[in-house]
């Protein structure tokens, strides 16, 4: 992890820099990462990436809202 660049005086959270949300994920939003199984399914794979990208973006929003990320 890089060294913190600044501290938010309101929250005392260190900022580790800017992170851009993930884009270009296709698929269905949800909460399940499904087993692709023995028979490959592009739809299942796309849905898995969409779910994971959405979760990463949600984490980014929380960290940005408390001043840890900008």
Protein backbone atom coordinates (compact mmCIF):
# COMPACT_ATOMS: atom_id res chain seq x y z
CA UNK A 1 0.00 0.00 0.00
CA UNK A 2 1.37 3.44 -0.82
CA UNK A 3 2.09 5.93 1.90
CA UNK A 4 -0.89 8.13 2.82
CA UNK A 5 -0.92 11.47 1.04
CA UNK A 6 -3.10 13.45 3.44
CA UNK A 7 -5.38 13.20 6.46
CA UNK A 8 -9.00 14.36 6.56
CA UNK A 9 -9.22 16.60 9.63
CA UNK A 10 -12.93 15.84 10.10
CA UNK A 11 -12.64 12.06 10.14
CA UNK A 12 -8.92 11.63 10.88
CA UNK A 13 -8.85 9.15 7.97
CA UNK A 14 -5.72 9.00 5.86
CA UNK A 15 -6.17 9.44 2.14
CA UNK A 16 -4.36 6.97 -0.09
CA UNK A 17 -5.15 8.73 -3.36
CA UNK A 18 -7.70 8.59 -6.10
CA UNK A 19 -9.41 5.44 -7.34
CA UNK A 20 -11.70 5.42 -10.35
CA UNK A 21 -14.77 3.16 -10.22
CA UNK A 22 -14.76 0.11 -12.48
CA UNK A 23 -16.67 0.39 -15.76
CA UNK A 24 -17.66 -1.78 -18.71
CA UNK A 25 -18.95 -4.70 -16.66
CA UNK A 26 -21.87 -6.40 -18.37
CA UNK A 27 -24.28 -8.81 -16.82
CA UNK A 28 -26.98 -8.88 -14.19
CA UNK A 29 -26.50 -7.10 -10.88
CA UNK A 30 -26.94 -9.26 -7.81
CA UNK A 31 -25.25 -10.70 -4.76
CA UNK A 32 -24.21 -14.12 -6.02
CA UNK A 33 -21.01 -15.20 -7.71
CA UNK A 34 -22.09 -18.42 -9.40
CA UNK A 35 -20.05 -21.49 -10.16
CA UNK A 36 -19.41 -21.48 -13.90
CA UNK A 37 -19.55 -25.26 -13.79
CA UNK A 38 -18.31 -27.87 -16.21
CA UNK A 39 -20.23 -26.42 -19.17
CA UNK A 40 -18.90 -22.92 -19.84
CA UNK A 41 -21.47 -20.13 -19.82
CA UNK A 42 -20.52 -16.64 -21.00
CA UNK A 43 -23.65 -15.28 -19.32
CA UNK A 44 -22.67 -16.71 -15.94
CA UNK A 45 -19.15 -15.38 -16.33
CA UNK A 46 -20.44 -11.90 -17.30
CA UNK A 47 -22.83 -11.91 -14.34
CA UNK A 48 -19.99 -12.82 -11.98
CA UNK A 49 -17.83 -9.94 -13.20
CA UNK A 50 -20.79 -7.54 -12.92
CA UNK A 51 -21.49 -8.58 -9.32
CA UNK A 52 -17.83 -8.22 -8.34
CA UNK A 53 -17.43 -4.86 -10.11
CA UNK A 54 -20.56 -3.55 -8.36
CA UNK A 55 -19.22 -4.63 -4.96
CA UNK A 56 -15.81 -3.02 -5.59
CA UNK A 57 -17.55 0.19 -6.66
CA UNK A 58 -19.68 0.13 -3.49
CA UNK A 59 -16.51 -0.20 -1.38
CA UNK A 60 -14.95 2.74 -3.26
CA UNK A 61 -18.03 4.89 -2.51
CA UNK A 62 -17.84 4.09 1.22
CA UNK A 63 -14.11 4.81 1.39
CA UNK A 64 -14.57 8.07 -0.52
CA UNK A 65 -17.45 9.15 1.71
CA UNK A 66 -15.32 8.86 4.85
CA UNK A 67 -12.32 10.54 3.28
CA UNK A 68 -10.04 7.51 2.99
CA UNK A 69 -10.04 7.78 -0.83
CA UNK A 70 -10.53 10.79 -3.02
